Amino acid sequence: MSTISPVQPSAAKHAHAFQGVPHAPAPAVSGTVQAAEAQRPSAPGKFELVRDDRGAFLIRILDGNGAVLALSRTYPDLAAAVEGVESVRECAATSHISDQTARTPVLP
């Protein structure tokens, strides 16, 4: 697992800890706040291009409050990472939400 360069802001140093860690949200409970009702960040989010300890490039996606939403795979160079940002932007703008939580899991 790679680590983030120590010249990054303090929250950025720990972003690598989220790589490969599966996260399943807690099931909805009566009276919980739904996604549409959640408080929106006061500022727009952003893409950060960062380097890992081996010199590869990563895309870190932050919400408007600076919280890490996602960390990309590694890219060999800056141009590839910028293309990755453009791909994420296009995909996010045209994608639909697919609720996989309501389906019964298929057992092997």
N, C-alpha and C. Protein backbone atom coordinates (compact mmCIF):
# COMPACT_ATOMS: atom_id res chain seq x y z
N MET A 1 0.85 -1.17 0.00
CA MET A 1 0.00 0.00 0.00
C MET A 1 0.90 1.23 0.00
N SER A 2 0.55 2.22 -0.79
CA SER A 2 1.36 3.42 -0.89
C SER A 2 0.96 4.42 0.18
N THR A 3 1.87 5.35 0.43
CA THR A 3 1.56 6.41 1.38
C THR A 3 1.62 7.74 0.65
N ILE A 4 0.97 8.72 1.20
CA ILE A 4 0.92 10.05 0.61
C ILE A 4 2.12 10.85 1.08
N SER A 5 2.63 11.69 0.20
CA SER A 5 3.78 12.53 0.51
C SER A 5 3.53 13.37 1.75
N PRO A 6 4.54 13.56 2.63
CA PRO A 6 4.35 14.34 3.84
C PRO A 6 4.14 15.83 3.59
N VAL A 7 4.29 16.30 2.36
CA VAL A 7 4.07 17.72 2.08
C VAL A 7 2.60 18.03 1.85
N GLN A 8 1.73 17.04 1.93
CA GLN A 8 0.30 17.25 1.75
C GLN A 8 -0.32 17.74 3.05
N PRO A 9 -1.50 18.41 2.99
CA PRO A 9 -2.19 18.82 4.21
C PRO A 9 -2.44 17.62 5.12
N SER A 10 -2.61 17.87 6.42
CA SER A 10 -2.71 16.78 7.39
C SER A 10 -3.80 15.77 7.07
N ALA A 11 -4.98 16.21 6.62
CA ALA A 11 -6.05 15.27 6.27
C ALA A 11 -5.64 14.40 5.09
N ALA A 12 -4.83 14.96 4.20
CA ALA A 12 -4.41 14.23 3.01
C ALA A 12 -3.45 13.09 3.35
N LYS A 13 -2.68 13.23 4.41
CA LYS A 13 -1.70 12.21 4.78
C LYS A 13 -2.34 10.87 5.07
N HIS A 14 -3.59 10.89 5.52
CA HIS A 14 -4.24 9.66 5.92
C HIS A 14 -5.23 9.14 4.88
N ALA A 15 -5.32 9.79 3.73
CA ALA A 15 -6.28 9.39 2.71
C ALA A 15 -5.98 7.99 2.19
N HIS A 16 -4.72 7.59 2.17
CA HIS A 16 -4.37 6.27 1.67
C HIS A 16 -4.95 5.15 2.54
N ALA A 17 -5.31 5.45 3.76
CA ALA A 17 -5.85 4.43 4.66
C ALA A 17 -7.19 3.90 4.18
N PHE A 18 -7.85 4.64 3.30
CA PHE A 18 -9.16 4.22 2.81
C PHE A 18 -9.06 3.30 1.61
N GLN A 19 -7.88 3.16 1.01
CA GLN A 19 -7.74 2.30 -0.15
C GLN A 19 -8.00 0.86 0.21
N GLY A 20 -8.83 0.22 -0.55
CA GLY A 20 -9.07 -1.20 -0.39
C GLY A 20 -9.89 -1.58 0.83
N VAL A 21 -10.40 -0.62 1.57
CA VAL A 21 -11.20 -0.93 2.75
C VAL A 21 -12.66 -0.87 2.36
N PRO A 22 -13.35 -2.02 2.32
CA PRO A 22 -14.75 -1.98 1.93
C PRO A 22 -15.59 -1.28 2.99
N HIS A 23 -16.57 -0.56 2.53
CA HIS A 23 -17.45 0.14 3.46
C HIS A 23 -18.88 -0.09 3.03
N ALA A 24 -19.67 -0.59 3.92
CA ALA A 24 -21.10 -0.77 3.65
C ALA A 24 -21.85 0.15 4.60
N PRO A 25 -22.66 1.05 4.06
CA PRO A 25 -23.40 1.94 4.96
C PRO A 25 -24.39 1.17 5.81
N ALA A 26 -24.69 1.72 6.97
CA ALA A 26 -25.66 1.09 7.86
C ALA A 26 -27.03 1.10 7.19
N PRO A 27 -27.85 0.11 7.44
CA PRO A 27 -29.18 0.09 6.83
C PRO A 27 -30.01 1.28 7.29
N ALA A 28 -30.89 1.72 6.40
CA ALA A 28 -31.74 2.86 6.73
C ALA A 28 -32.68 2.48 7.87
N VAL A 29 -32.82 3.37 8.82
CA VAL A 29 -33.69 3.16 9.96
C VAL A 29 -34.73 4.26 9.94
N SER A 30 -35.92 3.93 10.37
CA SER A 30 -36.98 4.92 10.39
C SER A 30 -36.53 6.16 11.15
N GLY A 31 -36.74 7.32 10.53
CA GLY A 31 -36.36 8.57 11.18
C GLY A 31 -34.96 9.04 10.83
N THR A 32 -34.19 8.27 10.03
CA THR A 32 -32.85 8.71 9.65
C THR A 32 -32.95 9.71 8.52
N VAL A 33 -31.90 10.49 8.36
CA VAL A 33 -31.85 11.49 7.30
C VAL A 33 -31.49 10.78 6.00
N GLN A 34 -32.28 10.98 4.97
CA GLN A 34 -32.01 10.40 3.66
C GLN A 34 -30.99 11.26 2.93
N ALA A 35 -30.38 10.71 1.89
CA ALA A 35 -29.32 11.41 1.16
C ALA A 35 -29.80 12.76 0.64
N ALA A 36 -31.00 12.84 0.11
CA ALA A 36 -31.50 14.10 -0.44
C ALA A 36 -31.68 15.16 0.66
N GLU A 37 -31.88 14.73 1.89
CA GLU A 37 -32.09 15.65 3.00
C GLU A 37 -30.80 16.03 3.71
N ALA A 38 -29.71 15.35 3.39
CA ALA A 38 -28.44 15.59 4.07
C ALA A 38 -27.96 17.01 3.79
N GLN A 39 -27.26 17.58 4.75
CA GLN A 39 -26.75 18.94 4.60
C GLN A 39 -25.69 18.97 3.51
N ARG A 40 -25.84 19.90 2.61
CA ARG A 40 -24.89 20.07 1.51
C ARG A 40 -23.68 20.87 1.99
N PRO A 41 -22.50 20.54 1.45
CA PRO A 41 -21.33 21.32 1.81
C PRO A 41 -21.47 22.77 1.32
N SER A 42 -20.81 23.70 2.00
CA SER A 42 -20.95 25.11 1.66
C SER A 42 -20.10 25.49 0.45
N ALA A 43 -19.11 24.70 0.10
CA ALA A 43 -18.24 24.99 -1.03
C ALA A 43 -18.26 23.81 -2.00
N PRO A 44 -17.88 24.03 -3.25
CA PRO A 44 -17.83 22.91 -4.18
C PRO A 44 -16.68 21.96 -3.82
N GLY A 45 -16.81 20.72 -4.22
CA GLY A 45 -15.74 19.76 -3.99
C GLY A 45 -14.62 20.00 -4.98
N LYS A 46 -13.59 19.18 -4.88
CA LYS A 46 -12.49 19.34 -5.83
C LYS A 46 -11.74 18.04 -6.02
N PHE A 47 -10.99 18.01 -7.11
CA PHE A 47 -10.08 16.92 -7.41
C PHE A 47 -8.68 17.39 -7.04
N GLU A 48 -7.95 16.57 -6.31
CA GLU A 48 -6.55 16.88 -6.01
C GLU A 48 -5.68 15.82 -6.68
N LEU A 49 -4.64 16.26 -7.33
CA LEU A 49 -3.66 15.35 -7.91
C LEU A 49 -2.50 15.28 -6.93
N VAL A 50 -2.19 14.08 -6.45
CA VAL A 50 -1.13 13.89 -5.46
C VAL A 50 -0.21 12.76 -5.92
N ARG A 51 0.95 12.67 -5.29
CA ARG A 51 1.90 11.60 -5.59
C ARG A 51 2.02 10.67 -4.40
N ASP A 52 2.19 9.38 -4.69
CA ASP A 52 2.45 8.44 -3.60
C ASP A 52 3.96 8.35 -3.38
N ASP A 53 4.39 7.51 -2.46
CA ASP A 53 5.81 7.43 -2.12
C ASP A 53 6.68 6.83 -3.22
N ARG A 54 6.05 6.24 -4.24
CA ARG A 54 6.81 5.68 -5.36
C ARG A 54 6.81 6.62 -6.57
N GLY A 55 6.18 7.79 -6.43
CA GLY A 55 6.19 8.77 -7.51
C GLY A 55 5.00 8.66 -8.45
N ALA A 56 4.12 7.69 -8.24
CA ALA A 56 2.93 7.56 -9.09
C ALA A 56 1.91 8.63 -8.68
N PHE A 57 1.00 8.93 -9.57
CA PHE A 57 -0.01 9.96 -9.33
C PHE A 57 -1.33 9.34 -8.92
N LEU A 58 -2.04 10.02 -8.04
CA LEU A 58 -3.37 9.60 -7.58
C LEU A 58 -4.31 10.78 -7.70
N ILE A 59 -5.60 10.48 -7.84
CA ILE A 59 -6.63 11.50 -7.80
C ILE A 59 -7.35 11.34 -6.47
N ARG A 60 -7.41 12.41 -5.71
CA ARG A 60 -8.15 12.40 -4.47
C ARG A 60 -9.36 13.31 -4.67
N ILE A 61 -10.57 12.79 -4.42
CA ILE A 61 -11.79 13.57 -4.59
C ILE A 61 -12.25 14.01 -3.21
N LEU A 62 -12.40 15.33 -3.03
CA LEU A 62 -12.81 15.90 -1.76
C LEU A 62 -14.18 16.54 -1.89
N ASP A 63 -14.97 16.47 -0.81
CA ASP A 63 -16.25 17.18 -0.83
C ASP A 63 -15.99 18.64 -0.46
N GLY A 64 -17.04 19.43 -0.43
CA GLY A 64 -16.91 20.86 -0.17
C GLY A 64 -16.37 21.20 1.21
N ASN A 65 -16.42 20.24 2.12
CA ASN A 65 -15.89 20.46 3.47
C ASN A 65 -14.46 19.93 3.62
N GLY A 66 -13.90 19.39 2.54
CA GLY A 66 -12.53 18.89 2.57
C GLY A 66 -12.39 17.44 2.96
N ALA A 67 -13.51 16.73 3.16
CA ALA A 67 -13.45 15.31 3.51
C ALA A 67 -13.15 14.48 2.25
N VAL A 68 -12.33 13.46 2.40
CA VAL A 68 -11.98 12.59 1.28
C VAL A 68 -13.18 11.71 0.95
N LEU A 69 -13.65 11.80 -0.30
CA LEU A 69 -14.75 10.95 -0.77
C LEU A 69 -14.22 9.70 -1.45
N ALA A 70 -13.13 9.86 -2.20
CA ALA A 70 -12.58 8.73 -2.95
C ALA A 70 -11.12 8.97 -3.25
N LEU A 71 -10.40 7.87 -3.42
CA LEU A 71 -9.01 7.91 -3.81
C LEU A 71 -8.86 6.95 -4.98
N SER A 72 -8.28 7.42 -6.06
CA SER A 72 -8.20 6.64 -7.29
C SER A 72 -7.10 5.59 -7.25
N ARG A 73 -7.06 4.85 -8.33
CA ARG A 73 -5.92 3.97 -8.58
C ARG A 73 -4.74 4.85 -8.91
N THR A 74 -3.55 4.28 -9.06
CA THR A 74 -2.38 5.08 -9.41
C THR A 74 -2.29 5.24 -10.92
N TYR A 75 -1.74 6.36 -11.32
CA TYR A 75 -1.49 6.67 -12.73
C TYR A 75 0.01 6.86 -12.90
N PRO A 76 0.56 6.45 -14.06
CA PRO A 76 2.01 6.53 -14.24
C PRO A 76 2.55 7.95 -14.42
N ASP A 77 1.70 8.85 -14.93
CA ASP A 77 2.18 10.22 -15.14
C ASP A 77 1.03 11.21 -14.95
N LEU A 78 1.39 12.49 -14.92
CA LEU A 78 0.41 13.54 -14.67
C LEU A 78 -0.65 13.61 -15.76
N ALA A 79 -0.27 13.45 -17.00
CA ALA A 79 -1.23 13.52 -18.11
C ALA A 79 -2.29 12.42 -17.97
N ALA A 80 -1.89 11.23 -17.58
CA ALA A 80 -2.85 10.14 -17.39
C ALA A 80 -3.79 10.45 -16.23
N ALA A 81 -3.27 11.06 -15.16
CA ALA A 81 -4.12 11.42 -14.02
C ALA A 81 -5.14 12.48 -14.41
N VAL A 82 -4.73 13.46 -15.21
CA VAL A 82 -5.66 14.49 -15.69
C VAL A 82 -6.75 13.86 -16.57
N GLU A 83 -6.38 12.91 -17.42
CA GLU A 83 -7.38 12.18 -18.21
C GLU A 83 -8.33 11.41 -17.30
N GLY A 84 -7.81 10.88 -16.20
CA GLY A 84 -8.64 10.19 -15.23
C GLY A 84 -9.67 11.11 -14.60
N VAL A 85 -9.27 12.34 -14.29
CA VAL A 85 -10.21 13.33 -13.75
C VAL A 85 -11.32 13.59 -14.76
N GLU A 86 -10.96 13.79 -16.02
CA GLU A 86 -11.96 14.05 -17.06
C GLU A 86 -12.92 12.87 -17.20
N SER A 87 -12.39 11.66 -17.10
CA SER A 87 -13.24 10.47 -17.19
C SER A 87 -14.23 10.40 -16.04
N VAL A 88 -13.75 10.70 -14.82
CA VAL A 88 -14.63 10.69 -13.65
C VAL A 88 -15.71 11.75 -13.79
N ARG A 89 -15.33 12.95 -14.24
CA ARG A 89 -16.32 14.02 -14.44
C ARG A 89 -17.41 13.60 -15.40
N GLU A 90 -17.02 13.04 -16.53
CA GLU A 90 -18.00 12.64 -17.54
C GLU A 90 -18.88 11.51 -17.02
N CYS A 91 -18.28 10.53 -16.38
CA CYS A 91 -19.05 9.40 -15.84
C CYS A 91 -20.03 9.86 -14.77
N ALA A 92 -19.58 10.73 -13.88
CA ALA A 92 -20.44 11.21 -12.81
C ALA A 92 -21.62 12.00 -13.35
N ALA A 93 -21.40 12.75 -14.41
CA ALA A 93 -22.46 13.58 -14.98
C ALA A 93 -23.52 12.78 -15.71
N THR A 94 -23.16 11.59 -16.17
CA THR A 94 -24.09 10.80 -16.97
C THR A 94 -24.56 9.51 -16.31
N SER A 95 -24.05 9.21 -15.13
CA SER A 95 -24.37 7.95 -14.47
C SER A 95 -25.67 8.02 -13.68
N HIS A 96 -26.29 6.87 -13.53
CA HIS A 96 -27.49 6.72 -12.72
C HIS A 96 -27.11 6.03 -11.42
N ILE A 97 -27.88 6.26 -10.38
CA ILE A 97 -27.66 5.57 -9.12
C ILE A 97 -28.29 4.19 -9.22
N SER A 98 -27.54 3.18 -8.89
CA SER A 98 -28.03 1.80 -8.90
C SER A 98 -28.05 1.31 -7.46
N ASP A 99 -29.22 1.25 -6.86
CA ASP A 99 -29.36 0.84 -5.46
C ASP A 99 -29.21 -0.67 -5.34
N GLN A 100 -28.05 -1.11 -4.92
CA GLN A 100 -27.76 -2.53 -4.76
C GLN A 100 -28.14 -3.04 -3.37
N THR A 101 -28.57 -2.15 -2.49
CA THR A 101 -28.89 -2.55 -1.12
C THR A 101 -30.22 -3.26 -1.02
N ALA A 102 -31.11 -3.06 -1.98
CA ALA A 102 -32.45 -3.63 -1.91
C ALA A 102 -32.50 -5.04 -2.48
N ARG A 103 -31.44 -5.50 -3.06
CA ARG A 103 -31.44 -6.82 -3.70
C ARG A 103 -30.88 -7.88 -2.76
N THR A 104 -31.41 -9.09 -2.89
CA THR A 104 -30.92 -10.22 -2.13
C THR A 104 -29.60 -10.66 -2.71
N PRO A 105 -28.55 -10.79 -1.90
CA PRO A 105 -27.26 -11.21 -2.45
C PRO A 105 -27.33 -12.62 -3.02
N VAL A 106 -26.59 -12.83 -4.08
CA VAL A 106 -26.52 -14.15 -4.72
C VAL A 106 -25.35 -14.89 -4.08
N LEU A 107 -25.63 -16.06 -3.55
CA LEU A 107 -24.58 -16.86 -2.89
C LEU A 107 -23.90 -17.75 -3.92
N PRO A 108 -22.59 -17.92 -3.78
CA PRO A 108 -21.85 -18.76 -4.75
C PRO A 108 -22.21 -20.21 -4.66
